[in-house]
């Protein structure tokens, strides 16, 4: 964004700080809507420096990535190796129970 703005300045097109801030907030994806709303309500966009806005957005992005990493780690399940044991004694007990009930 800043590269484009600097190139436009070199070509003679200037934007006010307020216009730049609004352009950035307007182009953010829908998932950023809560953050955009907070910035619009809490800050005076006419005096908000572009650098402060970018810093705030980068901090929010880092926080979102950290939360995603934590959620991924929580979703990983512990698996146990299953083993099959000989269950002859259980079968003998079942047969004895059935025969005693039959009698």
PDB file of N, CA and C in Angstrom:
ATOM      1  N   UNK A   1       0.826  -1.190   0.000  1.00  0.00           N
ATOM      2  CA  UNK A   1       0.000   0.000   0.000  1.00  0.00           C
ATOM      3  C   UNK A   1       0.867   1.250   0.000  1.00  0.00           C
ATOM      4  N   UNK A   2       1.850   1.265   0.884  1.00  0.00           N
ATOM      5  CA  UNK A   2       2.710   2.444   0.952  1.00  0.00           C
ATOM      6  C   UNK A   2       3.538   2.601  -0.320  1.00  0.00           C
ATOM      7  N   UNK A   3       3.905   1.494  -0.954  1.00  0.00           N
ATOM      8  CA  UNK A   3       4.634   1.564  -2.223  1.00  0.00           C
ATOM      9  C   UNK A   3       3.771   2.227  -3.298  1.00  0.00           C
ATOM     10  N   UNK A   4       2.519   1.838  -3.350  1.00  0.00           N
ATOM     11  CA  UNK A   4       1.595   2.424  -4.327  1.00  0.00           C
ATOM     12  C   UNK A   4       1.404   3.908  -4.046  1.00  0.00           C
ATOM     13  N   UNK A   5       1.201   4.270  -2.775  1.00  0.00           N
ATOM     14  CA  UNK A   5       0.990   5.666  -2.396  1.00  0.00           C
ATOM     15  C   UNK A   5       2.220   6.503  -2.737  1.00  0.00           C
ATOM     16  N   UNK A   6       3.410   5.958  -2.453  1.00  0.00           N
ATOM     17  CA  UNK A   6       4.639   6.689  -2.768  1.00  0.00           C
ATOM     18  C   UNK A   6       4.801   6.875  -4.280  1.00  0.00           C
ATOM     19  N   UNK A   7       4.435   5.861  -5.046  1.00  0.00           N
ATOM     20  CA  UNK A   7       4.507   5.982  -6.507  1.00  0.00           C
ATOM     21  C   UNK A   7       3.531   7.041  -7.014  1.00  0.00           C
ATOM     22  N   UNK A   8       2.339   7.058  -6.417  1.00  0.00           N
ATOM     23  CA  UNK A   8       1.355   8.072  -6.805  1.00  0.00           C
ATOM     24  C   UNK A   8       1.842   9.481  -6.455  1.00  0.00           C
ATOM     25  N   UNK A   9       2.523   9.633  -5.325  1.00  0.00           N
ATOM     26  CA  UNK A   9       3.083  10.937  -4.946  1.00  0.00           C
ATOM     27  C   UNK A   9       4.102  11.391  -5.985  1.00  0.00           C
ATOM     28  N   UNK A  10       4.921  10.446  -6.452  1.00  0.00           N
ATOM     29  CA  UNK A  10       5.913  10.766  -7.474  1.00  0.00           C
ATOM     30  C   UNK A  10       5.254  11.206  -8.782  1.00  0.00           C
ATOM     31  N   UNK A  11       4.055  10.716  -9.036  1.00  0.00           N
ATOM     32  CA  UNK A  11       3.318  11.096 -10.244  1.00  0.00           C
ATOM     33  C   UNK A  11       2.475  12.352 -10.038  1.00  0.00           C
ATOM     34  N   UNK A  12       2.477  12.885  -8.814  1.00  0.00           N
ATOM     35  CA  UNK A  12       1.766  14.135  -8.556  1.00  0.00           C
ATOM     36  C   UNK A  12       0.402  13.977  -7.910  1.00  0.00           C
ATOM     37  N   UNK A  13       0.011  12.769  -7.539  1.00  0.00           N
ATOM     38  CA  UNK A  13      -1.288  12.549  -6.891  1.00  0.00           C
ATOM     39  C   UNK A  13      -1.080  12.425  -5.393  1.00  0.00           C
ATOM     40  N   UNK A  14      -1.713  13.296  -4.635  1.00  0.00           N
ATOM     41  CA  UNK A  14      -1.566  13.289  -3.178  1.00  0.00           C
ATOM     42  C   UNK A  14      -2.896  12.957  -2.522  1.00  0.00           C
ATOM     43  N   UNK A  15      -2.813  12.185  -1.447  1.00  0.00           N
ATOM     44  CA  UNK A  15      -3.979  11.842  -0.629  1.00  0.00           C
ATOM     45  C   UNK A  15      -3.734  12.346   0.787  1.00  0.00           C
ATOM     46  N   UNK A  16      -4.810  12.789   1.421  1.00  0.00           N
ATOM     47  CA  UNK A  16      -4.677  13.207   2.821  1.00  0.00           C
ATOM     48  C   UNK A  16      -4.546  11.955   3.688  1.00  0.00           C
ATOM     49  N   UNK A  17      -4.047  12.131   4.893  1.00  0.00           N
ATOM     50  CA  UNK A  17      -3.889  11.014   5.821  1.00  0.00           C
ATOM     51  C   UNK A  17      -5.237  10.351   6.092  1.00  0.00           C
ATOM     52  N   UNK A  18      -6.273  11.176   6.238  1.00  0.00           N
ATOM     53  CA  UNK A  18      -7.604  10.645   6.510  1.00  0.00           C
ATOM     54  C   UNK A  18      -8.083   9.761   5.351  1.00  0.00           C
ATOM     55  N   UNK A  19      -7.827  10.169   4.109  1.00  0.00           N
ATOM     56  CA  UNK A  19      -8.218   9.368   2.954  1.00  0.00           C
ATOM     57  C   UNK A  19      -7.479   8.030   2.937  1.00  0.00           C
ATOM     58  N   UNK A  20      -6.194   8.062   3.277  1.00  0.00           N
ATOM     59  CA  UNK A  20      -5.396   6.822   3.297  1.00  0.00           C
ATOM     60  C   UNK A  20      -5.904   5.862   4.358  1.00  0.00           C
ATOM     61  N   UNK A  21      -6.203   6.395   5.538  1.00  0.00           N
ATOM     62  CA  UNK A  21      -6.715   5.563   6.634  1.00  0.00           C
ATOM     63  C   UNK A  21      -8.039   4.932   6.227  1.00  0.00           C
ATOM     64  N   UNK A  22      -8.919   5.713   5.644  1.00  0.00           N
ATOM     65  CA  UNK A  22     -10.226   5.182   5.232  1.00  0.00           C
ATOM     66  C   UNK A  22     -10.095   4.140   4.122  1.00  0.00           C
ATOM     67  N   UNK A  23      -9.160   4.352   3.203  1.00  0.00           N
ATOM     68  CA  UNK A  23      -8.953   3.374   2.124  1.00  0.00           C
ATOM     69  C   UNK A  23      -8.490   2.029   2.681  1.00  0.00           C
ATOM     70  N   UNK A  24      -7.589   2.072   3.633  1.00  0.00           N
ATOM     71  CA  UNK A  24      -7.096   0.823   4.222  1.00  0.00           C
ATOM     72  C   UNK A  24      -8.225   0.110   4.970  1.00  0.00           C
ATOM     73  N   UNK A  25      -8.975   0.845   5.773  1.00  0.00           N
ATOM     74  CA  UNK A  25     -10.068   0.225   6.536  1.00  0.00           C
ATOM     75  C   UNK A  25     -11.136  -0.345   5.610  1.00  0.00           C
ATOM     76  N   UNK A  26     -11.365   0.314   4.492  1.00  0.00           N
ATOM     77  CA  UNK A  26     -12.392  -0.121   3.557  1.00  0.00           C
ATOM     78  C   UNK A  26     -11.986  -1.392   2.809  1.00  0.00           C
ATOM     79  N   UNK A  27     -10.699  -1.611   2.594  1.00  0.00           N
ATOM     80  CA  UNK A  27     -10.273  -2.760   1.786  1.00  0.00           C
ATOM     81  C   UNK A  27     -10.001  -4.021   2.610  1.00  0.00           C
ATOM     82  N   UNK A  28     -10.137  -3.947   3.921  1.00  0.00           N
ATOM     83  CA  UNK A  28      -9.882  -5.126   4.752  1.00  0.00           C
ATOM     84  C   UNK A  28     -10.969  -6.180   4.540  1.00  0.00           C
ATOM     85  N   UNK A  29     -10.621  -7.462   4.676  1.00  0.00           N
ATOM     86  CA  UNK A  29     -11.621  -8.522   4.481  1.00  0.00           C
ATOM     87  C   UNK A  29     -12.714  -8.486   5.558  1.00  0.00           C
ATOM     88  N   UNK A  30     -13.768  -9.211   5.271  1.00  0.00           N
ATOM     89  CA  UNK A  30     -14.938  -9.227   6.147  1.00  0.00           C
ATOM     90  C   UNK A  30     -14.611  -9.721   7.560  1.00  0.00           C
ATOM     91  N   UNK A  31     -13.639 -10.610   7.686  1.00  0.00           N
ATOM     92  CA  UNK A  31     -13.282 -11.143   9.007  1.00  0.00           C
ATOM     93  C   UNK A  31     -12.699 -10.057   9.915  1.00  0.00           C
ATOM     94  N   UNK A  32     -12.295  -8.941   9.342  1.00  0.00           N
ATOM     95  CA  UNK A  32     -11.723  -7.838  10.109  1.00  0.00           C
ATOM     96  C   UNK A  32     -12.776  -6.802  10.505  1.00  0.00           C
ATOM     97  N   UNK A  33     -14.024  -7.005  10.163  1.00  0.00           N
ATOM     98  CA  UNK A  33     -15.078  -6.023  10.437  1.00  0.00           C
ATOM     99  C   UNK A  33     -15.139  -5.599  11.901  1.00  0.00           C
ATOM    100  N   UNK A  34     -15.043  -6.525  12.872  1.00  0.00           N
ATOM    101  CA  UNK A  34     -15.068  -6.065  14.277  1.00  0.00           C
ATOM    102  C   UNK A  34     -13.917  -5.118  14.612  1.00  0.00           C
ATOM    103  N   UNK A  35     -12.727  -5.399  14.110  1.00  0.00           N
ATOM    104  CA  UNK A  35     -11.572  -4.534  14.381  1.00  0.00           C
ATOM    105  C   UNK A  35     -11.757  -3.171  13.717  1.00  0.00           C
ATOM    106  N   UNK A  36     -12.265  -3.154  12.498  1.00  0.00           N
ATOM    107  CA  UNK A  36     -12.517  -1.890  11.797  1.00  0.00           C
ATOM    108  C   UNK A  36     -13.521  -1.056  12.571  1.00  0.00           C
ATOM    109  N   UNK A  37     -14.570  -1.685  13.058  1.00  0.00           N
ATOM    110  CA  UNK A  37     -15.591  -0.979  13.836  1.00  0.00           C
ATOM    111  C   UNK A  37     -14.996  -0.378  15.092  1.00  0.00           C
ATOM    112  N   UNK A  38     -14.162  -1.131  15.787  1.00  0.00           N
ATOM    113  CA  UNK A  38     -13.521  -0.633  17.012  1.00  0.00           C
ATOM    114  C   UNK A  38     -12.637   0.569  16.702  1.00  0.00           C
ATOM    115  N   UNK A  39     -11.870   0.484  15.642  1.00  0.00           N
ATOM    116  CA  UNK A  39     -10.985   1.600  15.285  1.00  0.00           C
ATOM    117  C   UNK A  39     -11.809   2.834  14.924  1.00  0.00           C
ATOM    118  N   UNK A  40     -12.855   2.640  14.142  1.00  0.00           N
ATOM    119  CA  UNK A  40     -13.691   3.777  13.736  1.00  0.00           C
ATOM    120  C   UNK A  40     -14.359   4.444  14.924  1.00  0.00           C
ATOM    121  N   UNK A  41     -14.774   3.654  15.909  1.00  0.00           N
ATOM    122  CA  UNK A  41     -15.461   4.217  17.065  1.00  0.00           C
ATOM    123  C   UNK A  41     -14.502   4.801  18.095  1.00  0.00           C
ATOM    124  N   UNK A  42     -13.339   4.203  18.260  1.00  0.00           N
ATOM    125  CA  UNK A  42     -12.428   4.617  19.320  1.00  0.00           C
ATOM    126  C   UNK A  42     -11.459   5.717  18.892  1.00  0.00           C
ATOM    127  N   UNK A  43     -11.175   5.818  17.616  1.00  0.00           N
ATOM    128  CA  UNK A  43     -10.162   6.756  17.140  1.00  0.00           C
ATOM    129  C   UNK A  43     -10.802   7.842  16.286  1.00  0.00           C
ATOM    130  N   UNK A  44     -10.149   8.981  16.265  1.00  0.00           N
ATOM    131  CA  UNK A  44     -10.538  10.049  15.371  1.00  0.00           C
ATOM    132  C   UNK A  44      -9.788   9.831  14.063  1.00  0.00           C
ATOM    133  N   UNK A  45     -10.480   9.380  13.036  1.00  0.00           N
ATOM    134  CA  UNK A  45      -9.822   9.005  11.790  1.00  0.00           C
ATOM    135  C   UNK A  45      -9.176  10.191  11.084  1.00  0.00           C
ATOM    136  N   UNK A  46      -9.632  11.392  11.394  1.00  0.00           N
ATOM    137  CA  UNK A  46      -9.040  12.566  10.751  1.00  0.00           C
ATOM    138  C   UNK A  46      -7.644  12.873  11.303  1.00  0.00           C
ATOM    139  N   UNK A  47      -7.353  12.386  12.511  1.00  0.00           N
ATOM    140  CA  UNK A  47      -6.045  12.653  13.117  1.00  0.00           C
ATOM    141  C   UNK A  47      -5.218  11.396  13.343  1.00  0.00           C
ATOM    142  N   UNK A  48      -5.771  10.240  13.020  1.00  0.00           N
ATOM    143  CA  UNK A  48      -5.068   8.974  13.231  1.00  0.00           C
ATOM    144  C   UNK A  48      -3.922   8.843  12.229  1.00  0.00           C
ATOM    145  N   UNK A  49      -2.683   8.757  12.704  1.00  0.00           N
ATOM    146  CA  UNK A  49      -1.558   8.582  11.777  1.00  0.00           C
ATOM    147  C   UNK A  49      -1.610   7.217  11.094  1.00  0.00           C
ATOM    148  N   UNK A  50      -1.211   7.184   9.845  1.00  0.00           N
ATOM    149  CA  UNK A  50      -1.222   5.952   9.073  1.00  0.00           C
ATOM    150  C   UNK A  50      -0.351   4.888   9.727  1.00  0.00           C
ATOM    151  N   UNK A  51       0.788   5.289  10.270  1.00  0.00           N
ATOM    152  CA  UNK A  51       1.696   4.338  10.912  1.00  0.00           C
ATOM    153  C   UNK A  51       1.051   3.689  12.128  1.00  0.00           C
ATOM    154  N   UNK A  52       0.284   4.469  12.889  1.00  0.00           N
ATOM    155  CA  UNK A  52      -0.391   3.919  14.068  1.00  0.00           C
ATOM    156  C   UNK A  52      -1.472   2.929  13.645  1.00  0.00           C
ATOM    157  N   UNK A  53      -2.200   3.241  12.592  1.00  0.00           N
ATOM    158  CA  UNK A  53      -3.218   2.322  12.078  1.00  0.00           C
ATOM    159  C   UNK A  53      -2.572   1.011  11.632  1.00  0.00           C
ATOM    160  N   UNK A  54      -1.506   1.101  10.861  1.00  0.00           N
ATOM    161  CA  UNK A  54      -0.832  -0.109  10.380  1.00  0.00           C
ATOM    162  C   UNK A  54      -0.281  -0.930  11.543  1.00  0.00           C
ATOM    163  N   UNK A  55       0.264  -0.262  12.547  1.00  0.00           N
ATOM    164  CA  UNK A  55       0.763  -0.975  13.727  1.00  0.00           C
ATOM    165  C   UNK A  55      -0.352  -1.694  14.461  1.00  0.00           C
ATOM    166  N   UNK A  56      -1.485  -1.040  14.596  1.00  0.00           N
ATOM    167  CA  UNK A  56      -2.637  -1.644  15.262  1.00  0.00           C
ATOM    168  C   UNK A  56      -3.144  -2.858  14.486  1.00  0.00           C
ATOM    169  N   UNK A  57      -3.198  -2.738  13.171  1.00  0.00           N
ATOM    170  CA  UNK A  57      -3.665  -3.856  12.345  1.00  0.00           C
ATOM    171  C   UNK A  57      -2.684  -5.024  12.372  1.00  0.00           C
ATOM    172  N   UNK A  58      -1.406  -4.726  12.367  1.00  0.00           N
ATOM    173  CA  UNK A  58      -0.402  -5.800  12.424  1.00  0.00           C
ATOM    174  C   UNK A  58      -0.451  -6.519  13.772  1.00  0.00           C
ATOM    175  N   UNK A  59      -0.656  -5.769  14.843  1.00  0.00           N
ATOM    176  CA  UNK A  59      -0.792  -6.381  16.168  1.00  0.00           C
ATOM    177  C   UNK A  59      -2.010  -7.294  16.213  1.00  0.00           C
ATOM    178  N   UNK A  60      -3.113  -6.815  15.649  1.00  0.00           N
ATOM    179  CA  UNK A  60      -4.336  -7.626  15.619  1.00  0.00           C
ATOM    180  C   UNK A  60      -4.124  -8.900  14.801  1.00  0.00           C
ATOM    181  N   UNK A  61      -3.437  -8.782  13.678  1.00  0.00           N
ATOM    182  CA  UNK A  61      -3.167  -9.951  12.841  1.00  0.00           C
ATOM    183  C   UNK A  61      -2.326 -10.985  13.582  1.00  0.00           C
ATOM    184  N   UNK A  62      -1.321 -10.521  14.306  1.00  0.00           N
ATOM    185  CA  UNK A  62      -0.474 -11.423  15.098  1.00  0.00           C
ATOM    186  C   UNK A  62      -1.295 -12.127  16.169  1.00  0.00           C
ATOM    187  N   UNK A  63      -2.157 -11.382  16.831  1.00  0.00           N
ATOM    188  CA  UNK A  63      -3.016 -11.957  17.865  1.00  0.00           C
ATOM    189  C   UNK A  63      -3.940 -13.018  17.271  1.00  0.00           C
ATOM    190  N   UNK A  64      -4.518 -12.728  16.115  1.00  0.00           N
ATOM    191  CA  UNK A  64      -5.409 -13.699  15.460  1.00  0.00           C
ATOM    192  C   UNK A  64      -4.656 -14.975  15.109  1.00  0.00           C
ATOM    193  N   UNK A  65      -3.432 -14.853  14.607  1.00  0.00           N
ATOM    194  CA  UNK A  65      -2.642 -16.032  14.257  1.00  0.00           C
ATOM    195  C   UNK A  65      -2.296 -16.848  15.499  1.00  0.00           C
ATOM    196  N   UNK A  66      -1.985 -16.172  16.598  1.00  0.00           N
ATOM    197  CA  UNK A  66      -1.679 -16.875  17.843  1.00  0.00           C
ATOM    198  C   UNK A  66      -2.891 -17.655  18.334  1.00  0.00           C
ATOM    199  N   UNK A  67      -4.076 -17.050  18.238  1.00  0.00           N
ATOM    200  CA  UNK A  67      -5.295 -17.739  18.659  1.00  0.00           C
ATOM    201  C   UNK A  67      -5.563 -18.953  17.772  1.00  0.00           C
ATOM    202  N   UNK A  68      -5.305 -18.828  16.479  1.00  0.00           N
ATOM    203  CA  UNK A  68      -5.498 -19.960  15.575  1.00  0.00           C
ATOM    204  C   UNK A  68      -4.543 -21.098  15.926  1.00  0.00           C
ATOM    205  N   UNK A  69      -3.297 -20.764  16.247  1.00  0.00           N
ATOM    206  CA  UNK A  69      -2.315 -21.788  16.618  1.00  0.00           C
ATOM    207  C   UNK A  69      -2.729 -22.501  17.891  1.00  0.00           C
ATOM    208  N   UNK A  70      -3.250 -21.767  18.862  1.00  0.00           N
ATOM    209  CA  UNK A  70      -3.703 -22.373  20.121  1.00  0.00           C
ATOM    210  C   UNK A  70      -4.876 -23.306  19.856  1.00  0.00           C
ATOM    211  N   UNK A  71      -5.812 -22.883  18.997  1.00  0.00           N
ATOM    212  CA  UNK A  71      -6.967 -23.719  18.687  1.00  0.00           C
ATOM    213  C   UNK A  71      -6.546 -24.998  17.977  1.00  0.00           C
ATOM    214  N   UNK A  72      -5.575 -24.906  17.081  1.00  0.00           N
ATOM    215  CA  UNK A  72      -5.087 -26.093  16.372  1.00  0.00           C
ATOM    216  C   UNK A  72      -4.451 -27.055  17.361  1.00  0.00           C
ATOM    217  N   UNK A  73      -3.670 -26.542  18.306  1.00  0.00           N
ATOM    218  CA  UNK A  73      -3.028 -27.403  19.300  1.00  0.00           C
ATOM    219  C   UNK A  73      -4.064 -28.078  20.189  1.00  0.00           C
ATOM    220  N   UNK A  74      -5.146 -27.362  20.526  1.00  0.00           N
ATOM    221  CA  UNK A  74      -6.192 -27.944  21.371  1.00  0.00           C
ATOM    222  C   UNK A  74      -6.943 -29.044  20.643  1.00  0.00           C
ATOM    223  N   UNK A  75      -7.060 -28.928  19.312  1.00  0.00           N
ATOM    224  CA  UNK A  75      -7.816 -29.912  18.545  1.00  0.00           C
ATOM    225  C   UNK A  75      -7.063 -31.217  18.369  1.00  0.00           C
ATOM    226  N   UNK A  76      -5.757 -31.179  18.514  1.00  0.00           N
ATOM    227  CA  UNK A  76      -4.983 -32.413  18.367  1.00  0.00           C
ATOM    228  C   UNK A  76      -5.328 -33.344  19.523  1.00  0.00           C
ATOM    229  N   UNK A  77      -5.681 -34.555  19.190  1.00  0.00           N
ATOM    230  CA  UNK A  77      -6.086 -35.525  20.204  1.00  0.00           C
ATOM    231  C   UNK A  77      -4.944 -36.497  20.475  1.00  0.00           C
ATOM    232  N   UNK A  78      -4.959 -37.017  21.661  1.00  0.00           N
ATOM    233  CA  UNK A  78      -3.987 -38.036  22.025  1.00  0.00           C
ATOM    234  C   UNK A  78      -4.590 -39.375  21.637  1.00  0.00           C
ATOM    235  N   UNK A  79      -3.817 -40.167  20.925  1.00  0.00           N
ATOM    236  CA  UNK A  79      -4.307 -41.489  20.540  1.00  0.00           C
ATOM    237  C   UNK A  79      -3.482 -42.545  21.255  1.00  0.00           C
ATOM    238  N   UNK A  80      -4.146 -43.609  21.584  1.00  0.00           N
ATOM    239  CA  UNK A  80      -3.486 -44.715  22.263  1.00  0.00           C
ATOM    240  C   UNK A  80      -3.460 -45.918  21.333  1.00  0.00           C
ATOM    241  N   UNK A  81      -2.389 -46.665  21.418  1.00  0.00           N
ATOM    242  CA  UNK A  81      -2.271 -47.853  20.602  1.00  0.00           C
ATOM    243  C   UNK A  81      -3.128 -48.955  21.211  1.00  0.00           C
ATOM    244  N   UNK A  82      -3.985 -49.510  20.396  1.00  0.00           N
ATOM    245  CA  UNK A  82      -4.858 -50.573  20.868  1.00  0.00           C
ATOM    246  C   UNK A  82      -4.146 -51.909  20.741  1.00  0.00           C
ATOM    247  N   UNK A  83      -4.370 -52.737  21.718  1.00  0.00           N
ATOM    248  CA  UNK A  83      -3.782 -54.070  21.638  1.00  0.00           C
ATOM    249  C   UNK A  83      -4.868 -55.084  21.955  1.00  0.00           C
ATOM    250  N   UNK A  84      -4.763 -56.213  21.311  1.00  0.00           N
ATOM    251  CA  UNK A  84      -5.755 -57.258  21.515  1.00  0.00           C
ATOM    252  C   UNK A  84      -5.136 -58.312  22.413  1.00  0.00           C
ATOM    253  N   UNK A  85      -5.818 -58.608  23.497  1.00  0.00           N
ATOM    254  CA  UNK A  85      -5.329 -59.616  24.431  1.00  0.00           C
ATOM    255  C   UNK A  85      -6.204 -60.858  24.327  1.00  0.00           C
ATOM    256  N   UNK A  86      -5.637 -61.959  24.704  1.00  0.00           N
ATOM    257  CA  UNK A  86      -6.375 -63.204  24.702  1.00  0.00           C
ATOM    258  C   UNK A  86      -7.395 -63.163  25.830  1.00  0.00           C
ATOM    259  N   UNK A  87      -8.638 -63.387  25.494  1.00  0.00           N
ATOM    260  CA  UNK A  87      -9.684 -63.266  26.507  1.00  0.00           C
ATOM    261  C   UNK A  87     -10.379 -64.602  26.755  1.00  0.00           C
ATOM    262  N   UNK A  88      -9.612 -65.653  26.898  1.00  0.00           N
ATOM    263  CA  UNK A  88     -10.171 -66.975  27.173  1.00  0.00           C
ATOM    264  C   UNK A  88     -10.883 -67.003  28.509  1.00  0.00           C
ATOM    265  N   UNK A  89     -10.294 -66.362  29.505  1.00  0.00           N
ATOM    266  CA  UNK A  89     -10.903 -66.413  30.835  1.00  0.00           C
ATOM    267  C   UNK A  89     -12.248 -65.710  30.839  1.00  0.00           C
ATOM    268  N   UNK A  90     -12.379 -64.630  30.032  1.00  0.00           N
ATOM    269  CA  UNK A  90     -13.661 -63.949  29.950  1.00  0.00           C
ATOM    270  C   UNK A  90     -14.702 -64.840  29.275  1.00  0.00           C
ATOM    271  N   UNK A  91     -14.279 -65.575  28.241  1.00  0.00           N
ATOM    272  CA  UNK A  91     -15.204 -66.458  27.548  1.00  0.00           C
ATOM    273  C   UNK A  91     -15.653 -67.597  28.463  1.00  0.00           C
ATOM    274  N   UNK A  92     -14.732 -68.133  29.255  1.00  0.00           N
ATOM    275  CA  UNK A  92     -15.095 -69.211  30.186  1.00  0.00           C
ATOM    276  C   UNK A  92     -16.088 -68.688  31.214  1.00  0.00           C
ATOM    277  N   UNK A  93     -15.886 -67.481  31.666  1.00  0.00           N
ATOM    278  CA  UNK A  93     -16.802 -66.887  32.636  1.00  0.00           C
ATOM    279  C   UNK A  93     -18.172 -66.667  32.032  1.00  0.00           C
ATOM    280  N   UNK A  94     -18.205 -66.272  30.766  1.00  0.00           N
ATOM    281  CA  UNK A  94     -19.480 -66.057  30.085  1.00  0.00           C
ATOM    282  C   UNK A  94     -20.226 -67.369  29.894  1.00  0.00           C
ATOM    283  N   UNK A  95     -19.502 -68.408  29.530  1.00  0.00           N
ATOM    284  CA  UNK A  95     -20.121 -69.721  29.341  1.00  0.00           C
ATOM    285  C   UNK A  95     -20.666 -70.226  30.673  1.00  0.00           C
ATOM    286  N   UNK A  96     -19.906 -70.054  31.737  1.00  0.00           N
ATOM    287  CA  UNK A  96     -20.362 -70.497  33.049  1.00  0.00           C
ATOM    288  C   UNK A  96     -21.615 -69.742  33.469  1.00  0.00           C
ATOM    289  N   UNK A  97     -21.666 -68.445  33.177  1.00  0.00           N
ATOM    290  CA  UNK A  97     -22.833 -67.644  33.538  1.00  0.00           C
ATOM    291  C   UNK A  97     -24.058 -68.095  32.763  1.00  0.00           C
ATOM    292  N   UNK A  98     -23.883 -68.373  31.489  1.00  0.00           N
ATOM    293  CA  UNK A  98     -25.010 -68.807  30.652  1.00  0.00           C
ATOM    294  C   UNK A  98     -25.520 -70.175  31.115  1.00  0.00           C
ATOM    295  N   UNK A  99     -24.601 -71.089  31.411  1.00  0.00           N
ATOM    296  CA  UNK A  99     -25.015 -72.425  31.829  1.00  0.00           C
ATOM    297  C   UNK A  99     -25.715 -72.379  33.182  1.00  0.00           C
ATOM    298  N   UNK A 100     -25.238 -71.518  34.079  1.00  0.00           N
ATOM    299  CA  UNK A 100     -25.891 -71.445  35.382  1.00  0.00           C
ATOM    300  C   UNK A 100     -27.281 -70.827  35.261  1.00  0.00           C
ATOM    301  N   UNK A 101     -27.440 -69.899  34.336  1.00  0.00           N
ATOM    302  CA  UNK A 101     -28.770 -69.313  34.137  1.00  0.00           C
ATOM    303  C   UNK A 101     -29.696 -70.279  33.436  1.00  0.00           C
ATOM    304  N   UNK A 102     -29.144 -71.138  32.599  1.00  0.00           N
ATOM    305  CA  UNK A 102     -29.931 -72.114  31.859  1.00  0.00           C
ATOM    306  C   UNK A 102     -30.484 -73.182  32.792  1.00  0.00           C
ATOM    307  N   UNK A 103     -29.662 -73.563  33.796  1.00  0.00           N
ATOM    308  CA  UNK A 103     -30.100 -74.604  34.717  1.00  0.00           C
ATOM    309  C   UNK A 103     -31.213 -74.055  35.546  1.00  0.00           C
TER     310      UNK A 103
END
